[in-house]
Amino acid sequence: MAIRVVRKKGDEVLYKPCKPVKDFDNKLHILLDDMYETMKKYDGVGLAAPQVGILKRAVVIDVGGGKVELINPEIIEESGEQTGSEGCLSVPGVYGEVTRPNDVTVKAQDRNGKWFKMTGEELLARAICHETEHLEGKLFLDRVIKFIE
């Protein structure tokens, strides 16, 4: 495993939509492992592939309940509402209040290509929404209600 360079705001790769993952091979497994290690090194709770310069639909998340890998994720259900602080490894030192669904259900594939569904609430729901938006070329800054100093 290796620590990857986290792309920062202004890097054009962060603003491009990602392509679906088609090959569930060792190259993907290495990417996911590297992303997780990189996320942990920088004290993040989520990291999307474009944040390490790869335009593929892959996300890793760990909000304290263990590693979650979402390949080709699609949010299929949302409910409730929460407003809270968010930051981003690609926008270091910037935090803002963002409103997100309180509960989300996502359909995704695992690292071997098997489809599954999972539901996240509160922080996990926030992380799923935040990271899947990266796959569309969007940063949380577009959703900030109020910046936190």
C-alpha atoms as a PDB file:
ATOM      1  CA  MET A   1       0.000   0.000   0.000  1.00  0.00           C
ATOM      2  CA  ALA A   2       1.081   3.546  -0.627  1.00  0.00           C
ATOM      3  CA  ILE A   3       0.098   7.045   0.364  1.00  0.00           C
ATOM      4  CA  ARG A   4      -1.240   8.877  -2.689  1.00  0.00           C
ATOM      5  CA  VAL A   5      -1.097  12.606  -3.396  1.00  0.00           C
ATOM      6  CA  VAL A   6      -4.420  14.251  -2.506  1.00  0.00           C
ATOM      7  CA  ARG A   7      -5.477  16.677  -5.212  1.00  0.00           C
ATOM      8  CA  LYS A   8      -6.422  20.135  -3.966  1.00  0.00           C
ATOM      9  CA  LYS A   9      -9.132  22.636  -4.909  1.00  0.00           C
ATOM     10  CA  GLY A  10      -8.310  24.106  -8.308  1.00  0.00           C
ATOM     11  CA  ASP A  11      -6.981  20.816  -9.733  1.00  0.00           C
ATOM     12  CA  GLU A  12      -9.121  20.178 -12.819  1.00  0.00           C
ATOM     13  CA  VAL A  13      -9.513  16.456 -12.066  1.00  0.00           C
ATOM     14  CA  LEU A  14     -11.765  17.345  -9.102  1.00  0.00           C
ATOM     15  CA  TYR A  15     -14.341  18.984 -11.377  1.00  0.00           C
ATOM     16  CA  LYS A  16     -14.776  16.178 -13.913  1.00  0.00           C
ATOM     17  CA  PRO A  17     -17.388  13.401 -13.741  1.00  0.00           C
ATOM     18  CA  CYS A  18     -15.953   9.939 -13.191  1.00  0.00           C
ATOM     19  CA  LYS A  19     -16.337   6.871 -15.376  1.00  0.00           C
ATOM     20  CA  PRO A  20     -17.837   3.625 -14.068  1.00  0.00           C
ATOM     21  CA  VAL A  21     -15.439   0.943 -12.863  1.00  0.00           C
ATOM     22  CA  LYS A  22     -15.546  -2.027 -15.243  1.00  0.00           C
ATOM     23  CA  ASP A  23     -12.486  -4.026 -14.209  1.00  0.00           C
ATOM     24  CA  PHE A  24     -12.601  -5.484 -10.713  1.00  0.00           C
ATOM     25  CA  ASP A  25      -8.979  -6.537 -10.747  1.00  0.00           C
ATOM     26  CA  ASN A  26      -5.832  -6.248  -8.669  1.00  0.00           C
ATOM     27  CA  LYS A  27      -5.267  -2.692  -9.955  1.00  0.00           C
ATOM     28  CA  LEU A  28      -8.621  -1.671  -8.408  1.00  0.00           C
ATOM     29  CA  HIS A  29      -7.793  -3.468  -5.151  1.00  0.00           C
ATOM     30  CA  ILE A  30      -4.472  -1.599  -4.918  1.00  0.00           C
ATOM     31  CA  LEU A  31      -6.247   1.712  -5.589  1.00  0.00           C
ATOM     32  CA  LEU A  32      -8.823   1.029  -2.844  1.00  0.00           C
ATOM     33  CA  ASP A  33      -6.135  -0.021  -0.352  1.00  0.00           C
ATOM     34  CA  ASP A  34      -4.033   3.057  -1.171  1.00  0.00           C
ATOM     35  CA  MET A  35      -7.071   5.343  -0.898  1.00  0.00           C
ATOM     36  CA  TYR A  36      -7.931   3.943   2.523  1.00  0.00           C
ATOM     37  CA  GLU A  37      -4.362   4.311   3.776  1.00  0.00           C
ATOM     38  CA  THR A  38      -4.204   7.868   2.391  1.00  0.00           C
ATOM     39  CA  MET A  39      -7.539   8.799   3.994  1.00  0.00           C
ATOM     40  CA  LYS A  40      -6.389   7.476   7.380  1.00  0.00           C
ATOM     41  CA  LYS A  41      -3.001   9.236   7.177  1.00  0.00           C
ATOM     42  CA  TYR A  42      -4.719  12.595   6.711  1.00  0.00           C
ATOM     43  CA  ASP A  43      -7.445  11.930   9.327  1.00  0.00           C
ATOM     44  CA  GLY A  44     -10.292  11.854   6.809  1.00  0.00           C
ATOM     45  CA  VAL A  45     -13.539   9.912   7.047  1.00  0.00           C
ATOM     46  CA  GLY A  46     -13.917   9.481   3.279  1.00  0.00           C
ATOM     47  CA  LEU A  47     -11.966   9.694   0.054  1.00  0.00           C
ATOM     48  CA  ALA A  48     -13.080   9.457  -3.566  1.00  0.00           C
ATOM     49  CA  ALA A  49     -10.870   8.294  -6.447  1.00  0.00           C
ATOM     50  CA  PRO A  50     -10.735  11.707  -8.185  1.00  0.00           C
ATOM     51  CA  GLN A  51      -9.168  13.112  -5.027  1.00  0.00           C
ATOM     52  CA  VAL A  52      -6.125  10.973  -5.828  1.00  0.00           C
ATOM     53  CA  GLY A  53      -6.295  11.794  -9.544  1.00  0.00           C
ATOM     54  CA  ILE A  54      -8.244   8.757 -10.763  1.00  0.00           C
ATOM     55  CA  LEU A  55     -11.495   9.460 -12.647  1.00  0.00           C
ATOM     56  CA  LYS A  56     -13.222   6.240 -11.586  1.00  0.00           C
ATOM     57  CA  ARG A  57     -16.387   5.791  -9.521  1.00  0.00           C
ATOM     58  CA  ALA A  58     -14.770   4.462  -6.343  1.00  0.00           C
ATOM     59  CA  VAL A  59     -15.080   5.659  -2.750  1.00  0.00           C
ATOM     60  CA  VAL A  60     -13.733   4.596   0.633  1.00  0.00           C
ATOM     61  CA  ILE A  61     -15.322   5.673   3.923  1.00  0.00           C
ATOM     62  CA  ASP A  62     -14.674   4.990   7.596  1.00  0.00           C
ATOM     63  CA  VAL A  63     -16.668   6.995  10.130  1.00  0.00           C
ATOM     64  CA  GLY A  64     -15.603   4.732  12.985  1.00  0.00           C
ATOM     65  CA  GLY A  65     -17.553   1.597  12.142  1.00  0.00           C
ATOM     66  CA  GLY A  66     -14.942   0.078   9.839  1.00  0.00           C
ATOM     67  CA  LYS A  67     -14.012   0.387   6.193  1.00  0.00           C
ATOM     68  CA  VAL A  68     -16.750   0.854   3.593  1.00  0.00           C
ATOM     69  CA  GLU A  69     -15.894   0.544  -0.099  1.00  0.00           C
ATOM     70  CA  LEU A  70     -18.427   1.727  -2.663  1.00  0.00           C
ATOM     71  CA  ILE A  71     -17.750   1.050  -6.323  1.00  0.00           C
ATOM     72  CA  ASN A  72     -20.130   2.601  -8.874  1.00  0.00           C
ATOM     73  CA  PRO A  73     -22.350   3.918  -6.041  1.00  0.00           C
ATOM     74  CA  GLU A  74     -25.817   5.280  -6.667  1.00  0.00           C
ATOM     75  CA  ILE A  75     -27.946   6.830  -3.941  1.00  0.00           C
ATOM     76  CA  ILE A  76     -31.386   5.288  -4.364  1.00  0.00           C
ATOM     77  CA  GLU A  77     -33.214   6.642  -1.327  1.00  0.00           C
ATOM     78  CA  GLU A  78     -32.900   9.627   1.015  1.00  0.00           C
ATOM     79  CA  SER A  79     -34.897  10.759   4.018  1.00  0.00           C
ATOM     80  CA  GLY A  80     -34.745  13.249   6.840  1.00  0.00           C
ATOM     81  CA  GLU A  81     -32.412  16.184   7.117  1.00  0.00           C
ATOM     82  CA  GLN A  82     -29.320  17.148   9.083  1.00  0.00           C
ATOM     83  CA  THR A  83     -27.120  20.213   9.077  1.00  0.00           C
ATOM     84  CA  GLY A  84     -23.562  19.950  10.300  1.00  0.00           C
ATOM     85  CA  SER A  85     -19.924  20.763   9.775  1.00  0.00           C
ATOM     86  CA  GLU A  86     -18.045  19.369   6.792  1.00  0.00           C
ATOM     87  CA  GLY A  87     -14.499  19.592   5.588  1.00  0.00           C
ATOM     88  CA  CYS A  88     -12.608  17.943   2.759  1.00  0.00           C
ATOM     89  CA  LEU A  89      -9.085  16.631   2.301  1.00  0.00           C
ATOM     90  CA  SER A  90      -9.036  18.445  -1.060  1.00  0.00           C
ATOM     91  CA  VAL A  91      -9.891  21.760   0.622  1.00  0.00           C
ATOM     92  CA  PRO A  92      -7.648  21.720   3.705  1.00  0.00           C
ATOM     93  CA  GLY A  93      -8.460  24.023   6.587  1.00  0.00           C
ATOM     94  CA  VAL A  94     -11.899  25.023   5.241  1.00  0.00           C
ATOM     95  CA  TYR A  95     -15.065  23.962   7.068  1.00  0.00           C
ATOM     96  CA  GLY A  96     -18.677  24.844   6.512  1.00  0.00           C
ATOM     97  CA  GLU A  97     -22.186  23.964   7.564  1.00  0.00           C
ATOM     98  CA  VAL A  98     -23.932  21.766   5.001  1.00  0.00           C
ATOM     99  CA  THR A  99     -27.442  20.323   4.956  1.00  0.00           C
ATOM    100  CA  ARG A 100     -27.690  16.674   3.887  1.00  0.00           C
ATOM    101  CA  PRO A 101     -30.202  13.846   4.210  1.00  0.00           C
ATOM    102  CA  ASN A 102     -30.120  12.132   7.600  1.00  0.00           C
ATOM    103  CA  ASP A 103     -30.562   8.669   6.048  1.00  0.00           C
ATOM    104  CA  VAL A 104     -29.402   7.430   2.654  1.00  0.00           C
ATOM    105  CA  THR A 105     -29.553   4.067   0.945  1.00  0.00           C
ATOM    106  CA  VAL A 106     -26.919   3.403  -1.660  1.00  0.00           C
ATOM    107  CA  LYS A 107     -26.601   0.648  -4.243  1.00  0.00           C
ATOM    108  CA  ALA A 108     -22.983  -0.151  -5.085  1.00  0.00           C
ATOM    109  CA  GLN A 109     -20.539  -2.879  -5.961  1.00  0.00           C
ATOM    110  CA  ASP A 110     -17.840  -4.288  -3.721  1.00  0.00           C
ATOM    111  CA  ARG A 111     -14.205  -4.665  -4.780  1.00  0.00           C
ATOM    112  CA  ASN A 112     -15.064  -7.953  -6.515  1.00  0.00           C
ATOM    113  CA  GLY A 113     -17.999  -6.549  -8.489  1.00  0.00           C
ATOM    114  CA  LYS A 114     -20.834  -7.960  -6.361  1.00  0.00           C
ATOM    115  CA  TRP A 115     -23.800  -5.592  -6.048  1.00  0.00           C
ATOM    116  CA  PHE A 116     -25.159  -4.721  -2.588  1.00  0.00           C
ATOM    117  CA  LYS A 117     -27.293  -2.118  -0.852  1.00  0.00           C
ATOM    118  CA  MET A 118     -26.562  -0.388   2.411  1.00  0.00           C
ATOM    119  CA  THR A 119     -28.200   2.320   4.457  1.00  0.00           C
ATOM    120  CA  GLY A 120     -26.251   4.938   6.361  1.00  0.00           C
ATOM    121  CA  GLU A 121     -27.501   7.461   8.849  1.00  0.00           C
ATOM    122  CA  GLU A 122     -26.122  10.648  10.344  1.00  0.00           C
ATOM    123  CA  LEU A 123     -22.330  10.890   9.785  1.00  0.00           C
ATOM    124  CA  LEU A 124     -22.240   7.862   7.463  1.00  0.00           C
ATOM    125  CA  ALA A 125     -25.081   9.325   5.376  1.00  0.00           C
ATOM    126  CA  ARG A 126     -23.222  12.646   5.225  1.00  0.00           C
ATOM    127  CA  ALA A 127     -20.001  10.910   4.135  1.00  0.00           C
ATOM    128  CA  ILE A 128     -21.777   8.859   1.441  1.00  0.00           C
ATOM    129  CA  CYS A 129     -23.355  12.015  -0.001  1.00  0.00           C
ATOM    130  CA  HIS A 130     -20.122  14.013   0.188  1.00  0.00           C
ATOM    131  CA  GLU A 131     -17.997  11.325  -1.473  1.00  0.00           C
ATOM    132  CA  THR A 132     -20.506  10.419  -4.203  1.00  0.00           C
ATOM    133  CA  GLU A 133     -20.690  14.112  -5.146  1.00  0.00           C
ATOM    134  CA  HIS A 134     -16.934  13.994  -5.773  1.00  0.00           C
ATOM    135  CA  LEU A 135     -17.676  11.366  -8.436  1.00  0.00           C
ATOM    136  CA  GLU A 136     -19.833  13.952 -10.233  1.00  0.00           C
ATOM    137  CA  GLY A 137     -17.073  16.568 -10.130  1.00  0.00           C
ATOM    138  CA  LYS A 138     -18.571  18.550  -7.260  1.00  0.00           C
ATOM    139  CA  LEU A 139     -17.048  19.845  -4.038  1.00  0.00           C
ATOM    140  CA  PHE A 140     -18.896  20.449  -0.762  1.00  0.00           C
ATOM    141  CA  LEU A 141     -18.131  24.165  -1.108  1.00  0.00           C
ATOM    142  CA  ASP A 142     -21.127  24.486  -3.456  1.00  0.00           C
ATOM    143  CA  ARG A 143     -23.437  23.380  -0.625  1.00  0.00           C
ATOM    144  CA  VAL A 144     -22.020  25.427   2.258  1.00  0.00           C
ATOM    145  CA  ILE A 145     -24.674  27.475   4.078  1.00  0.00           C
ATOM    146  CA  LYS A 146     -22.148  29.209   6.313  1.00  0.00           C
ATOM    147  CA  PHE A 147     -18.368  28.895   6.577  1.00  0.00           C
ATOM    148  CA  ILE A 148     -16.949  28.065  10.008  1.00  0.00           C
ATOM    149  CA  GLU A 149     -13.889  29.965  11.169  1.00  0.00           C
END
